Amino acid sequence: MQNTKTASPYRLDNVNWVTAIALLLLHVGAIAAFFYFDWKSVAVAAVLYWTCVGWGIGMGYHRLLTHRSYRVPKPLEYFLAICGTLTLEGGPIFWVATHRLHHQRSDQPGDPHSPKDGPWWAHMGWIIFGETKHNATEMMSKYAPDLGRDPFYRWLNTYHYVPLVVIGLILLGFGGLSMLLWGVCARVVAGLHATWLVNSATHLWGKRRFQTRDDSRNNWWVALLTFGEGWHNNHHAHPSSARHGLTWKELDLTWLQIQLLSWLGVAKKVQVARINQQPPAGEEAAA
């Protein structure tokens, strides 16, 4: 039974065709990359994966812009947001609004990507068929007004694909088709699925340290793929914490990068949860 929908959302009139076609072409390009294999292109793709997923999503879109778990100077904040656009997961205002909506209604009616609507829906079905994409303006104005007041974020949200196009042209010019396929197609597809696993896998498989009101779980292999985002139960228990891996066994590279910025005096007002700290009342599970 679906959680938020009374009828199947998998209908042609629900398809976001721009998104669907872009994803199809990227996946075709990712497969084609294996026919143009070379180690230099793979190395460039790996560095970009770390930069875009680790810096752009983990440090930027998620822990900084969505939850404001730490503060950095505006130029660095904008740079991290640009890195986030290189994942092709949408502009910063859209991403932040969607994630804040997820936290408010996690695994409840209105959650844009709950596995209670089906694992495939939570993983990527919501991107292609979901109402979130179609009602983006209303959602963004309600859930991300702080970013909406910033002219830079309004521009970047509208033209979020521009940085990726620029990077793609640079890769094509310096490394040819092989570097384009690996640095853009294969790298973007890998990053998308890794991030989508946080929506799907970490609400299905793993351990629960905290009894939150949703089904969030700590999943070590998703954490490895996403530089720490897989410690999802910890995160849902303490959304404003910049640290998601709460023990030494829970590797959280994104937190280590934030901690380094703090030691250097760049990151300020860093919020950190403790392993024995109970979730705020609004995040606790119903008795």
Protein backbone atom coordinates (compact mmCIF):
# COMPACT_ATOMS: atom_id res chain seq x y z
CA MET A 1 0.00 0.00 0.00
CA GLN A 2 1.30 3.42 -0.86
CA ASN A 3 1.89 6.00 1.79
CA THR A 4 0.87 9.23 0.09
CA LYS A 5 -0.91 8.28 -3.12
CA THR A 6 -4.32 6.71 -3.76
CA ALA A 7 -3.57 5.80 -7.37
CA SER A 8 -0.43 4.72 -9.15
CA PRO A 9 1.81 7.70 -9.90
CA TYR A 10 3.53 5.82 -12.73
CA ARG A 11 1.52 7.43 -15.52
CA LEU A 12 2.71 9.17 -18.66
CA ASP A 13 0.94 12.39 -17.71
CA ASN A 14 3.03 12.48 -14.51
CA VAL A 15 6.39 12.19 -16.26
CA ASN A 16 8.84 15.05 -16.02
CA TRP A 17 10.15 14.54 -19.54
CA VAL A 18 13.17 16.83 -19.30
CA THR A 19 14.40 14.95 -16.25
CA ALA A 20 13.58 11.54 -17.70
CA ILE A 21 15.38 12.17 -20.99
CA ALA A 22 18.41 13.65 -19.24
CA LEU A 23 18.66 10.62 -16.95
CA LEU A 24 18.32 8.24 -19.88
CA LEU A 25 21.12 9.95 -21.82
CA LEU A 26 23.37 10.03 -18.76
CA HIS A 27 22.89 6.31 -18.15
CA VAL A 28 23.61 5.54 -21.80
CA GLY A 29 26.75 7.65 -21.55
CA ALA A 30 27.79 5.88 -18.34
CA ILE A 31 27.57 2.51 -20.10
CA ALA A 32 29.45 3.89 -23.12
CA ALA A 33 32.25 5.05 -20.78
CA PHE A 34 33.39 1.44 -20.32
CA PHE A 35 34.15 1.27 -24.04
CA TYR A 36 36.41 4.34 -23.69
CA PHE A 37 38.27 3.28 -20.57
CA ASP A 38 41.51 4.91 -19.52
CA TRP A 39 42.93 5.41 -16.06
CA LYS A 40 43.41 9.16 -16.39
CA SER A 41 39.71 9.67 -17.11
CA VAL A 42 38.74 7.39 -14.22
CA ALA A 43 41.02 9.33 -11.86
CA VAL A 44 39.46 12.64 -12.93
CA ALA A 45 36.01 11.15 -12.41
CA ALA A 46 36.98 9.96 -8.91
CA VAL A 47 38.25 13.42 -7.90
CA LEU A 48 35.07 15.04 -9.26
CA TYR A 49 32.94 12.46 -7.43
CA TRP A 50 34.57 13.39 -4.15
CA THR A 51 34.30 17.10 -4.91
CA CYS A 52 30.68 17.01 -6.02
CA VAL A 53 29.20 14.45 -3.60
CA GLY A 54 31.49 15.05 -0.62
CA TRP A 55 31.81 18.82 -0.86
CA GLY A 56 28.76 19.75 -2.90
CA ILE A 57 26.09 17.52 -1.38
CA GLY A 58 27.44 16.49 2.03
CA MET A 59 29.13 19.70 3.11
CA GLY A 60 27.16 22.13 0.94
CA TYR A 61 23.58 21.31 0.06
CA HIS A 62 22.94 19.11 3.08
CA ARG A 63 24.77 20.03 6.26
CA LEU A 64 25.37 23.71 5.46
CA LEU A 65 22.43 24.97 3.40
CA THR A 66 19.64 22.65 4.55
CA HIS A 67 20.40 22.28 8.25
CA ARG A 68 22.79 25.18 8.91
CA SER A 69 24.83 22.90 11.16
CA TYR A 70 27.85 25.18 10.68
CA ARG A 71 28.74 28.50 9.08
CA VAL A 72 31.42 29.49 6.58
CA PRO A 73 32.17 32.74 4.70
CA LYS A 74 29.77 33.41 1.83
CA PRO A 75 32.32 32.88 -0.96
CA LEU A 76 33.04 29.36 0.33
CA GLU A 77 29.32 28.71 0.85
CA TYR A 78 28.64 29.70 -2.76
CA PHE A 79 31.53 27.54 -3.98
CA LEU A 80 30.14 24.48 -2.17
CA ALA A 81 26.72 25.18 -3.69
CA ILE A 82 28.26 25.28 -7.17
CA CYS A 83 29.91 21.92 -6.44
CA GLY A 84 26.45 20.66 -5.50
CA THR A 85 25.01 21.62 -8.89
CA LEU A 86 27.64 19.43 -10.56
CA THR A 87 25.78 16.35 -9.26
CA LEU A 88 22.78 17.31 -11.43
CA GLU A 89 20.45 16.87 -8.45
CA GLY A 90 18.79 20.21 -9.02
CA GLY A 91 19.48 23.72 -7.85
CA PRO A 92 20.25 24.55 -4.21
CA ILE A 93 16.81 25.98 -3.43
CA PHE A 94 15.03 22.95 -4.87
CA TRP A 95 17.34 20.48 -3.11
CA VAL A 96 17.11 22.22 0.25
CA ALA A 97 13.32 22.60 0.09
CA THR A 98 12.86 18.95 -0.85
CA HIS A 99 15.07 17.75 1.98
CA ARG A 100 13.44 19.98 4.57
CA LEU A 101 10.06 18.64 3.46
CA HIS A 102 11.42 15.11 3.84
CA HIS A 103 12.46 15.82 7.43
CA GLN A 104 9.14 17.38 8.33
CA ARG A 105 7.13 14.42 6.97
CA SER A 106 9.67 11.60 6.98
CA ASP A 107 7.95 8.28 6.15
CA GLN A 108 4.60 9.99 6.63
CA PRO A 109 2.02 11.24 4.09
CA GLY A 110 3.66 14.02 2.11
CA ASP A 111 7.22 12.67 2.25
CA PRO A 112 8.49 13.08 -1.35
CA HIS A 113 10.57 9.89 -1.27
CA SER A 114 9.54 7.37 1.35
CA PRO A 115 10.08 3.61 0.79
CA LYS A 116 6.58 3.18 2.18
CA ASP A 117 5.54 4.24 -1.32
CA GLY A 118 7.85 1.52 -2.69
CA PRO A 119 11.64 1.11 -2.74
CA TRP A 120 11.84 2.06 -6.43
CA TRP A 121 9.77 5.17 -5.77
CA ALA A 122 12.07 6.24 -2.93
CA HIS A 123 15.17 5.59 -5.02
CA MET A 124 14.36 7.41 -8.25
CA GLY A 125 10.69 7.12 -9.16
CA TRP A 126 9.89 10.31 -7.28
CA ILE A 127 12.38 12.21 -9.45
CA ILE A 128 10.66 11.22 -12.70
CA PHE A 129 7.01 10.97 -11.62
CA GLY A 130 6.81 12.89 -8.34
CA GLU A 131 4.74 15.95 -7.61
CA THR A 132 7.78 17.60 -6.04
CA LYS A 133 9.25 18.47 -9.43
CA HIS A 134 5.97 19.70 -10.81
CA ASN A 135 5.13 21.94 -7.83
CA ALA A 136 8.68 23.16 -7.24
CA THR A 137 7.95 26.89 -7.03
CA GLU A 138 5.37 26.57 -4.26
CA MET A 139 7.52 24.11 -2.33
CA MET A 140 10.67 26.20 -2.64
CA SER A 141 9.02 29.39 -1.46
CA LYS A 142 7.63 27.62 1.61
CA TYR A 143 10.56 25.48 2.69
CA ALA A 144 13.60 27.47 1.55
CA PRO A 145 12.73 31.16 1.95
CA ASP A 146 16.20 31.90 3.36
CA LEU A 147 17.86 30.83 0.13
CA GLY A 148 15.10 32.37 -1.97
CA ARG A 149 16.01 35.81 -0.66
CA ASP A 150 19.56 35.47 -2.00
CA PRO A 151 19.91 36.63 -5.66
CA PHE A 152 22.86 34.29 -6.23
CA TYR A 153 20.89 31.24 -5.13
CA ARG A 154 17.89 32.27 -7.21
CA TRP A 155 20.15 32.50 -10.28
CA LEU A 156 21.97 29.26 -9.51
CA ASN A 157 18.70 27.43 -8.91
CA THR A 158 17.39 28.51 -12.33
CA TYR A 159 20.61 27.77 -14.20
CA HIS A 160 21.90 24.88 -12.09
CA TYR A 161 22.93 22.95 -15.20
CA VAL A 162 25.37 25.64 -16.39
CA PRO A 163 28.35 24.64 -14.17
CA LEU A 164 28.07 21.02 -15.38
CA VAL A 165 27.96 22.13 -19.02
CA VAL A 166 31.09 24.23 -18.46
CA ILE A 167 32.90 21.34 -16.76
CA GLY A 168 31.81 19.01 -19.54
CA LEU A 169 33.23 21.28 -22.23
CA ILE A 170 36.50 21.63 -20.33
CA LEU A 171 36.82 17.85 -19.96
CA LEU A 172 36.01 17.32 -23.61
CA GLY A 173 38.58 19.90 -24.67
CA PHE A 174 41.41 18.56 -22.51
CA GLY A 175 40.67 14.85 -22.39
CA GLY A 176 38.43 14.05 -25.32
CA LEU A 177 35.35 11.84 -25.35
CA SER A 178 36.72 9.41 -22.78
CA MET A 179 37.12 12.09 -20.11
CA LEU A 180 33.69 13.54 -20.91
CA LEU A 181 32.01 10.15 -20.55
CA TRP A 182 33.80 9.32 -17.31
CA GLY A 183 33.95 12.78 -15.76
CA VAL A 184 30.34 13.65 -16.51
CA CYS A 185 28.14 10.67 -17.43
CA ALA A 186 29.63 7.86 -15.33
CA ARG A 187 30.48 10.16 -12.42
CA VAL A 188 27.05 11.85 -12.34
CA VAL A 189 25.19 8.54 -12.58
CA ALA A 190 27.27 7.04 -9.75
CA GLY A 191 26.69 10.13 -7.61
CA LEU A 192 22.96 10.16 -8.28
CA HIS A 193 22.47 6.54 -7.29
CA ALA A 194 24.69 6.91 -4.23
CA THR A 195 22.67 9.89 -3.03
CA TRP A 196 19.36 8.22 -3.88
CA LEU A 197 20.42 5.26 -1.72
CA VAL A 198 20.19 7.60 1.26
CA ASN A 199 16.50 8.06 0.40
CA SER A 200 15.84 4.37 -0.19
CA ALA A 201 18.38 2.01 1.41
CA THR A 202 18.85 3.91 4.67
CA HIS A 203 15.11 3.73 5.32
CA LEU A 204 15.09 -0.02 4.64
CA TRP A 205 18.32 -1.66 5.86
CA GLY A 206 20.63 -1.00 8.76
CA LYS A 207 20.62 -0.42 12.50
CA ARG A 208 18.62 2.05 14.56
CA ARG A 209 20.47 3.65 17.45
CA PHE A 210 17.72 6.21 18.11
CA GLN A 211 13.98 5.58 18.16
CA THR A 212 13.00 8.33 15.76
CA ARG A 213 9.43 8.59 14.46
CA ASP A 214 10.51 7.47 10.97
CA ASP A 215 12.26 4.34 9.63
CA SER A 216 15.72 5.91 9.23
CA ARG A 217 18.67 3.55 9.72
CA ASN A 218 22.44 3.67 9.90
CA ASN A 219 23.88 1.92 6.86
CA TRP A 220 27.66 1.55 6.67
CA TRP A 221 27.99 0.84 2.96
CA VAL A 222 25.81 3.82 1.99
CA ALA A 223 27.99 5.90 4.33
CA LEU A 224 31.09 4.76 2.44
CA LEU A 225 29.55 5.69 -0.91
CA THR A 226 28.42 9.12 0.30
CA PHE A 227 31.25 10.17 2.63
CA GLY A 228 29.13 9.81 5.77
CA GLU A 229 25.56 10.49 4.68
CA GLY A 230 24.58 6.87 5.34
CA TRP A 231 24.52 7.34 9.12
CA HIS A 232 20.95 8.35 8.53
CA ASN A 233 19.32 7.38 11.82
CA ASN A 234 21.89 9.47 13.67
CA HIS A 235 21.08 12.32 11.32
CA HIS A 236 17.31 12.10 11.71
CA ALA A 237 17.72 12.00 15.48
CA HIS A 238 19.93 15.10 15.39
CA PRO A 239 19.30 16.95 12.09
CA SER A 240 21.26 20.05 13.05
CA SER A 241 24.45 18.14 13.91
CA ALA A 242 27.34 18.59 11.50
CA ARG A 243 28.61 15.18 12.60
CA HIS A 244 26.62 12.14 11.41
CA GLY A 245 29.01 9.33 12.34
CA LEU A 246 28.89 9.53 16.13
CA THR A 247 31.55 6.94 16.99
CA TRP A 248 35.07 6.26 15.69
CA LYS A 249 33.71 3.19 13.90
CA GLU A 250 31.24 5.31 11.91
CA LEU A 251 33.49 6.82 9.27
CA ASP A 252 32.21 10.27 8.32
CA LEU A 253 34.62 11.96 5.92
CA THR A 254 32.32 14.94 5.49
CA TRP A 255 32.48 15.60 9.21
CA LEU A 256 36.28 15.32 9.15
CA GLN A 257 36.39 17.97 6.42
CA ILE A 258 34.11 20.28 8.43
CA GLN A 259 36.23 19.63 11.51
CA LEU A 260 39.35 20.62 9.55
CA LEU A 261 37.68 23.88 8.50
CA SER A 262 36.81 24.48 12.15
CA TRP A 263 40.41 23.92 13.26
CA LEU A 264 41.54 26.37 10.59
CA GLY A 265 39.08 28.96 11.87
CA VAL A 266 37.02 28.91 8.66
CA ALA A 267 33.95 27.04 9.91
CA LYS A 268 32.09 28.66 12.79
CA LYS A 269 29.15 27.72 15.03
CA VAL A 270 29.66 24.02 14.37
CA GLN A 271 26.91 21.97 16.02
CA VAL A 272 27.80 18.45 17.15
CA ALA A 273 25.53 15.81 18.67
CA ARG A 274 26.76 13.29 21.25
CA ILE A 275 26.09 9.57 21.08
CA ASN A 276 24.25 9.58 24.40
CA GLN A 277 22.23 12.69 23.57
CA GLN A 278 18.53 12.03 23.11
CA PRO A 279 16.69 13.41 20.05
CA PRO A 280 14.64 16.59 20.39
CA ALA A 281 11.02 15.93 21.29
CA GLY A 282 9.81 16.58 17.74
CA GLU A 283 12.04 13.82 16.39
CA GLU A 284 11.27 11.13 18.94
CA ALA A 285 9.16 8.17 18.00
CA ALA A 286 5.57 8.09 19.14
CA ALA A 287 5.12 6.03 22.28
